[in-house]
Amino acid sequence: RVCRAKEYPEKYRMEMGASAYARPGTVSGDSYICRRLPDGNDLILLSDGMGKGEAAALESSLAVKTLANLIEAGFDVEIALRTLNSILLLKSEEEIFATIDIGIFSGESGRLRLYKIGAASTFIKRRNRVHAVKMAALPMGIVDGLKIDFVNLKLQPGDQVVMVSDGVTDSGRYRRAKEQDSAGAGSGTA
């Protein structure tokens, strides 16, 4: 699905798209929003709710909707993140945790600001090379003293930015671990 809002005059342009997948008969715990902000910047938000099924989907949906609404209303991203973290901590008896991946792209400067709270790597493909952007942080809703880091990247024409949840980055690792368990089960090796 292509996420695009009305056009604004801009020097640089980003085409945004999103895709989601859940195993048949299950609900994805990931939620996302792509939208144009009132200041003309593009917002990409991805959240992975902790756990599985409906509960994880509700956690991530709450996270992206709350953050998108706060940022769109003009809140600074760090204040919006701290506000969401406080909301999740207040519901701590329900253990609501969520990863957050935010990308804000400026069509005026061509810069992308990435905030990552417990989120999987973001991949930047430039020509024949791929660079992974990873930041260590606990998911939202776990600790009061939230660590907020961001990175500013100057994108070049043709760059591709791929934001994914850990369901994508961990899928091969899980399959390899199962194969190793199966292969080593009867071999008697240590």
C-alpha atoms as a PDB file:
ATOM      1  CA  ARG A   1       0.000   0.000   0.000  1.00  0.00           C
ATOM      2  CA  VAL A   2       1.402   3.413  -0.913  1.00  0.00           C
ATOM      3  CA  CYS A   3       1.171   5.996   1.861  1.00  0.00           C
ATOM      4  CA  ARG A   4       1.023   9.493   0.402  1.00  0.00           C
ATOM      5  CA  ALA A   5      -0.661  12.710   1.475  1.00  0.00           C
ATOM      6  CA  LYS A   6      -1.334  15.833  -0.584  1.00  0.00           C
ATOM      7  CA  GLU A   7       1.683  17.368  -2.283  1.00  0.00           C
ATOM      8  CA  TYR A   8       3.677  20.284  -0.867  1.00  0.00           C
ATOM      9  CA  PRO A   9       6.437  22.172  -2.679  1.00  0.00           C
ATOM     10  CA  GLU A  10       9.602  20.290  -1.852  1.00  0.00           C
ATOM     11  CA  LYS A  11      13.125  19.904  -3.104  1.00  0.00           C
ATOM     12  CA  TYR A  12      13.263  16.173  -2.265  1.00  0.00           C
ATOM     13  CA  ARG A  13      10.476  13.636  -2.373  1.00  0.00           C
ATOM     14  CA  MET A  14      10.045  10.302  -0.651  1.00  0.00           C
ATOM     15  CA  GLU A  15       7.626   7.633  -1.798  1.00  0.00           C
ATOM     16  CA  MET A  16       6.354   5.654   1.169  1.00  0.00           C
ATOM     17  CA  GLY A  17       4.842   2.206   1.157  1.00  0.00           C
ATOM     18  CA  ALA A  18       3.974  -0.379   3.759  1.00  0.00           C
ATOM     19  CA  SER A  19       3.285  -4.076   3.917  1.00  0.00           C
ATOM     20  CA  ALA A  20       2.225  -6.344   6.754  1.00  0.00           C
ATOM     21  CA  TYR A  21       1.981 -10.111   7.123  1.00  0.00           C
ATOM     22  CA  ALA A  22       0.709 -12.471   9.787  1.00  0.00           C
ATOM     23  CA  ARG A  23       0.680 -16.251   9.659  1.00  0.00           C
ATOM     24  CA  PRO A  24      -2.694 -17.585   8.496  1.00  0.00           C
ATOM     25  CA  GLY A  25      -5.172 -17.636  11.358  1.00  0.00           C
ATOM     26  CA  THR A  26      -3.166 -15.153  13.452  1.00  0.00           C
ATOM     27  CA  VAL A  27      -3.088 -11.398  14.023  1.00  0.00           C
ATOM     28  CA  SER A  28       0.062  -9.355  13.478  1.00  0.00           C
ATOM     29  CA  GLY A  29       1.382  -7.542  16.554  1.00  0.00           C
ATOM     30  CA  ASP A  30       2.836  -4.809  14.305  1.00  0.00           C
ATOM     31  CA  SER A  31       1.196  -1.482  13.498  1.00  0.00           C
ATOM     32  CA  TYR A  32       2.308   1.381  11.287  1.00  0.00           C
ATOM     33  CA  ILE A  33       1.314   4.831  10.114  1.00  0.00           C
ATOM     34  CA  CYS A  34       2.642   6.832   7.174  1.00  0.00           C
ATOM     35  CA  ARG A  35       1.441  10.419   6.914  1.00  0.00           C
ATOM     36  CA  ARG A  36       2.308  13.944   5.902  1.00  0.00           C
ATOM     37  CA  LEU A  37       2.692  16.277   8.889  1.00  0.00           C
ATOM     38  CA  PRO A  38       1.322  19.843   8.905  1.00  0.00           C
ATOM     39  CA  ASP A  39       4.914  21.181   8.582  1.00  0.00           C
ATOM     40  CA  GLY A  40       5.321  19.267   5.292  1.00  0.00           C
ATOM     41  CA  ASN A  41       7.604  16.530   6.668  1.00  0.00           C
ATOM     42  CA  ASP A  42       6.773  12.861   6.110  1.00  0.00           C
ATOM     43  CA  LEU A  43       6.235  10.673   9.193  1.00  0.00           C
ATOM     44  CA  ILE A  44       6.773   6.916   9.210  1.00  0.00           C
ATOM     45  CA  LEU A  45       5.932   5.087  12.439  1.00  0.00           C
ATOM     46  CA  LEU A  46       6.330   1.362  13.119  1.00  0.00           C
ATOM     47  CA  SER A  47       5.596  -0.428  16.384  1.00  0.00           C
ATOM     48  CA  ASP A  48       5.836  -4.061  17.425  1.00  0.00           C
ATOM     49  CA  GLY A  49       3.689  -4.952  20.415  1.00  0.00           C
ATOM     50  CA  MET A  50       5.288  -7.421  22.807  1.00  0.00           C
ATOM     51  CA  GLY A  51       3.693 -10.841  22.858  1.00  0.00           C
ATOM     52  CA  LYS A  52       1.372 -12.278  20.252  1.00  0.00           C
ATOM     53  CA  GLY A  53      -2.050 -11.872  18.730  1.00  0.00           C
ATOM     54  CA  GLU A  54      -4.719  -9.377  19.692  1.00  0.00           C
ATOM     55  CA  ALA A  55      -2.925  -8.070  22.803  1.00  0.00           C
ATOM     56  CA  ALA A  56       0.247  -7.270  20.847  1.00  0.00           C
ATOM     57  CA  ALA A  57      -1.806  -5.671  18.064  1.00  0.00           C
ATOM     58  CA  LEU A  58      -3.626  -3.436  20.582  1.00  0.00           C
ATOM     59  CA  GLU A  59      -0.317  -2.390  22.195  1.00  0.00           C
ATOM     60  CA  SER A  60       1.310  -1.430  18.911  1.00  0.00           C
ATOM     61  CA  SER A  61      -1.853   0.262  17.609  1.00  0.00           C
ATOM     62  CA  LEU A  62      -2.105   2.378  20.782  1.00  0.00           C
ATOM     63  CA  ALA A  63       1.553   3.327  20.415  1.00  0.00           C
ATOM     64  CA  VAL A  64       1.460   4.440  16.764  1.00  0.00           C
ATOM     65  CA  LYS A  65      -1.876   6.276  17.015  1.00  0.00           C
ATOM     66  CA  THR A  66      -0.869   8.133  20.185  1.00  0.00           C
ATOM     67  CA  LEU A  67       2.553   9.119  18.843  1.00  0.00           C
ATOM     68  CA  ALA A  68       1.249  10.146  15.425  1.00  0.00           C
ATOM     69  CA  ASN A  69      -1.469  12.309  16.989  1.00  0.00           C
ATOM     70  CA  LEU A  70       0.959  13.987  19.420  1.00  0.00           C
ATOM     71  CA  ILE A  71       3.562  14.673  16.721  1.00  0.00           C
ATOM     72  CA  GLU A  72       0.917  15.897  14.279  1.00  0.00           C
ATOM     73  CA  ALA A  73      -0.423  18.239  16.995  1.00  0.00           C
ATOM     74  CA  GLY A  74       3.037  19.838  17.187  1.00  0.00           C
ATOM     75  CA  PHE A  75       4.614  18.034  20.149  1.00  0.00           C
ATOM     76  CA  ASP A  76       8.376  17.595  19.997  1.00  0.00           C
ATOM     77  CA  VAL A  77       9.171  13.921  19.225  1.00  0.00           C
ATOM     78  CA  GLU A  78      11.037  13.412  22.506  1.00  0.00           C
ATOM     79  CA  ILE A  79       8.136  14.832  24.547  1.00  0.00           C
ATOM     80  CA  ALA A  80       5.688  12.642  22.586  1.00  0.00           C
ATOM     81  CA  LEU A  81       7.842   9.565  23.299  1.00  0.00           C
ATOM     82  CA  ARG A  82       8.081  10.371  27.018  1.00  0.00           C
ATOM     83  CA  THR A  83       4.307  10.938  27.158  1.00  0.00           C
ATOM     84  CA  LEU A  84       3.599   7.570  25.520  1.00  0.00           C
ATOM     85  CA  ASN A  85       6.081   5.847  27.843  1.00  0.00           C
ATOM     86  CA  SER A  86       4.252   7.340  30.856  1.00  0.00           C
ATOM     87  CA  ILE A  87       0.914   6.115  29.499  1.00  0.00           C
ATOM     88  CA  LEU A  88       2.279   2.599  29.071  1.00  0.00           C
ATOM     89  CA  LEU A  89       3.849   2.649  32.554  1.00  0.00           C
ATOM     90  CA  LEU A  90       0.481   3.651  34.085  1.00  0.00           C
ATOM     91  CA  LYS A  91      -0.989   0.514  32.537  1.00  0.00           C
ATOM     92  CA  SER A  92       1.942  -1.529  33.910  1.00  0.00           C
ATOM     93  CA  GLU A  93      -0.299  -4.048  35.689  1.00  0.00           C
ATOM     94  CA  GLU A  94      -1.265  -5.133  32.176  1.00  0.00           C
ATOM     95  CA  GLU A  95       2.417  -5.248  31.094  1.00  0.00           C
ATOM     96  CA  ILE A  96       2.054  -3.220  27.914  1.00  0.00           C
ATOM     97  CA  PHE A  97       5.360  -2.965  26.054  1.00  0.00           C
ATOM     98  CA  ALA A  98       6.034  -1.867  22.500  1.00  0.00           C
ATOM     99  CA  THR A  99       9.006  -1.105  20.272  1.00  0.00           C
ATOM    100  CA  ILE A 100       8.981   2.193  18.431  1.00  0.00           C
ATOM    101  CA  ASP A 101      10.604   3.096  15.133  1.00  0.00           C
ATOM    102  CA  ILE A 102      10.095   6.674  13.913  1.00  0.00           C
ATOM    103  CA  GLY A 103      11.347   8.193  10.693  1.00  0.00           C
ATOM    104  CA  ILE A 104      10.795  11.866   9.896  1.00  0.00           C
ATOM    105  CA  PHE A 105      11.811  12.907   6.394  1.00  0.00           C
ATOM    106  CA  SER A 106      12.297  16.532   5.383  1.00  0.00           C
ATOM    107  CA  GLY A 107      11.460  17.208   1.743  1.00  0.00           C
ATOM    108  CA  GLU A 108      13.245  20.527   2.096  1.00  0.00           C
ATOM    109  CA  SER A 109      16.645  19.204   3.261  1.00  0.00           C
ATOM    110  CA  GLY A 110      16.531  15.550   2.181  1.00  0.00           C
ATOM    111  CA  ARG A 111      17.408  14.518   5.742  1.00  0.00           C
ATOM    112  CA  LEU A 112      15.886  11.587   7.616  1.00  0.00           C
ATOM    113  CA  ARG A 113      15.791  11.583  11.418  1.00  0.00           C
ATOM    114  CA  LEU A 114      15.417   8.102  12.929  1.00  0.00           C
ATOM    115  CA  TYR A 115      14.339   7.411  16.516  1.00  0.00           C
ATOM    116  CA  LYS A 116      14.557   3.779  17.631  1.00  0.00           C
ATOM    117  CA  ILE A 117      13.215   2.559  20.987  1.00  0.00           C
ATOM    118  CA  GLY A 118      13.828  -1.195  21.255  1.00  0.00           C
ATOM    119  CA  ALA A 119      13.291  -1.497  17.510  1.00  0.00           C
ATOM    120  CA  ALA A 120      14.966  -3.751  14.941  1.00  0.00           C
ATOM    121  CA  SER A 121      17.546  -2.346  12.529  1.00  0.00           C
ATOM    122  CA  THR A 122      16.560   0.030   9.753  1.00  0.00           C
ATOM    123  CA  PHE A 123      18.291  -0.645   6.456  1.00  0.00           C
ATOM    124  CA  ILE A 124      19.472   2.052   4.034  1.00  0.00           C
ATOM    125  CA  LYS A 125      20.216   0.771   0.526  1.00  0.00           C
ATOM    126  CA  ARG A 126      22.425   3.078  -1.526  1.00  0.00           C
ATOM    127  CA  ARG A 127      23.398   1.759  -4.936  1.00  0.00           C
ATOM    128  CA  ASN A 128      24.992  -1.678  -4.266  1.00  0.00           C
ATOM    129  CA  ARG A 129      25.541  -1.270  -0.520  1.00  0.00           C
ATOM    130  CA  VAL A 130      23.253  -1.712   2.473  1.00  0.00           C
ATOM    131  CA  HIS A 131      23.900   0.033   5.786  1.00  0.00           C
ATOM    132  CA  ALA A 132      22.090  -1.060   8.974  1.00  0.00           C
ATOM    133  CA  VAL A 133      21.080   1.533  11.583  1.00  0.00           C
ATOM    134  CA  LYS A 134      20.676  -0.027  15.045  1.00  0.00           C
ATOM    135  CA  MET A 135      20.353   1.598  18.469  1.00  0.00           C
ATOM    136  CA  ALA A 136      20.242  -0.258  21.758  1.00  0.00           C
ATOM    137  CA  ALA A 137      17.289   0.673  23.985  1.00  0.00           C
ATOM    138  CA  LEU A 138      14.566  -1.084  25.940  1.00  0.00           C
ATOM    139  CA  PRO A 139      11.027  -1.050  24.485  1.00  0.00           C
ATOM    140  CA  MET A 140       8.493   1.526  25.663  1.00  0.00           C
ATOM    141  CA  GLY A 141       6.611   0.908  28.909  1.00  0.00           C
ATOM    142  CA  ILE A 142       9.372  -0.907  30.806  1.00  0.00           C
ATOM    143  CA  VAL A 143      11.366   1.820  32.614  1.00  0.00           C
ATOM    144  CA  ASP A 144      10.598   5.378  33.660  1.00  0.00           C
ATOM    145  CA  GLY A 145      13.950   6.847  32.581  1.00  0.00           C
ATOM    146  CA  LEU A 146      13.473   6.332  28.851  1.00  0.00           C
ATOM    147  CA  LYS A 147      16.672   6.543  26.783  1.00  0.00           C
ATOM    148  CA  ILE A 148      15.936   8.468  23.577  1.00  0.00           C
ATOM    149  CA  ASP A 149      18.525   8.501  20.819  1.00  0.00           C
ATOM    150  CA  PHE A 150      18.226   9.519  17.212  1.00  0.00           C
ATOM    151  CA  VAL A 151      20.381   9.660  14.139  1.00  0.00           C
ATOM    152  CA  ASN A 152      20.227  12.176  11.294  1.00  0.00           C
ATOM    153  CA  LEU A 153      20.955  10.862   7.814  1.00  0.00           C
ATOM    154  CA  LYS A 154      21.356  12.808   4.587  1.00  0.00           C
ATOM    155  CA  LEU A 155      19.655  10.715   1.937  1.00  0.00           C
ATOM    156  CA  GLN A 156      20.691  10.739  -1.703  1.00  0.00           C
ATOM    157  CA  PRO A 157      18.456  10.340  -4.757  1.00  0.00           C
ATOM    158  CA  GLY A 158      17.622   6.648  -5.238  1.00  0.00           C
ATOM    159  CA  ASP A 159      18.281   5.639  -1.613  1.00  0.00           C
ATOM    160  CA  GLN A 160      15.852   3.104  -0.204  1.00  0.00           C
ATOM    161  CA  VAL A 161      14.967   3.098   3.505  1.00  0.00           C
ATOM    162  CA  VAL A 162      13.554  -0.168   4.852  1.00  0.00           C
ATOM    163  CA  MET A 163      12.085  -0.191   8.359  1.00  0.00           C
ATOM    164  CA  VAL A 164      11.160  -3.650   9.655  1.00  0.00           C
ATOM    165  CA  SER A 165      10.006  -5.262  12.884  1.00  0.00           C
ATOM    166  CA  ASP A 166      11.959  -8.044  14.578  1.00  0.00           C
ATOM    167  CA  GLY A 167       9.574 -10.556  13.008  1.00  0.00           C
ATOM    168  CA  VAL A 168      11.518  -9.972   9.788  1.00  0.00           C
ATOM    169  CA  THR A 169      15.039  -9.758  11.225  1.00  0.00           C
ATOM    170  CA  ASP A 170      14.611 -12.752  13.565  1.00  0.00           C
ATOM    171  CA  SER A 171      12.758 -15.076  11.170  1.00  0.00           C
ATOM    172  CA  GLY A 172      15.912 -16.586   9.643  1.00  0.00           C
ATOM    173  CA  ARG A 173      17.566 -16.915  13.063  1.00  0.00           C
ATOM    174  CA  TYR A 174      14.569 -18.866  14.414  1.00  0.00           C
ATOM    175  CA  ARG A 175      14.502 -21.182  11.382  1.00  0.00           C
ATOM    176  CA  ARG A 176      18.265 -21.847  11.611  1.00  0.00           C
ATOM    177  CA  ALA A 177      17.979 -22.603  15.359  1.00  0.00           C
ATOM    178  CA  LYS A 178      15.183 -25.121  14.692  1.00  0.00           C
ATOM    179  CA  GLU A 179      17.254 -26.745  11.923  1.00  0.00           C
ATOM    180  CA  GLN A 180      20.272 -26.992  14.236  1.00  0.00           C
ATOM    181  CA  ASP A 181      18.133 -28.508  16.999  1.00  0.00           C
ATOM    182  CA  SER A 182      16.760 -31.072  14.551  1.00  0.00           C
ATOM    183  CA  ALA A 183      20.168 -31.861  13.091  1.00  0.00           C
ATOM    184  CA  GLY A 184      21.866 -32.260  16.471  1.00  0.00           C
ATOM    185  CA  ALA A 185      19.078 -34.188  18.201  1.00  0.00           C
ATOM    186  CA  GLY A 186      20.370 -37.694  17.444  1.00  0.00           C
ATOM    187  CA  SER A 187      24.030 -37.039  16.779  1.00  0.00           C
ATOM    188  CA  GLY A 188      25.346 -37.161  20.347  1.00  0.00           C
ATOM    189  CA  THR A 189      27.754 -34.242  19.733  1.00  0.00           C
ATOM    190  CA  ALA A 190      28.280 -31.434  22.165  1.00  0.00           C
END
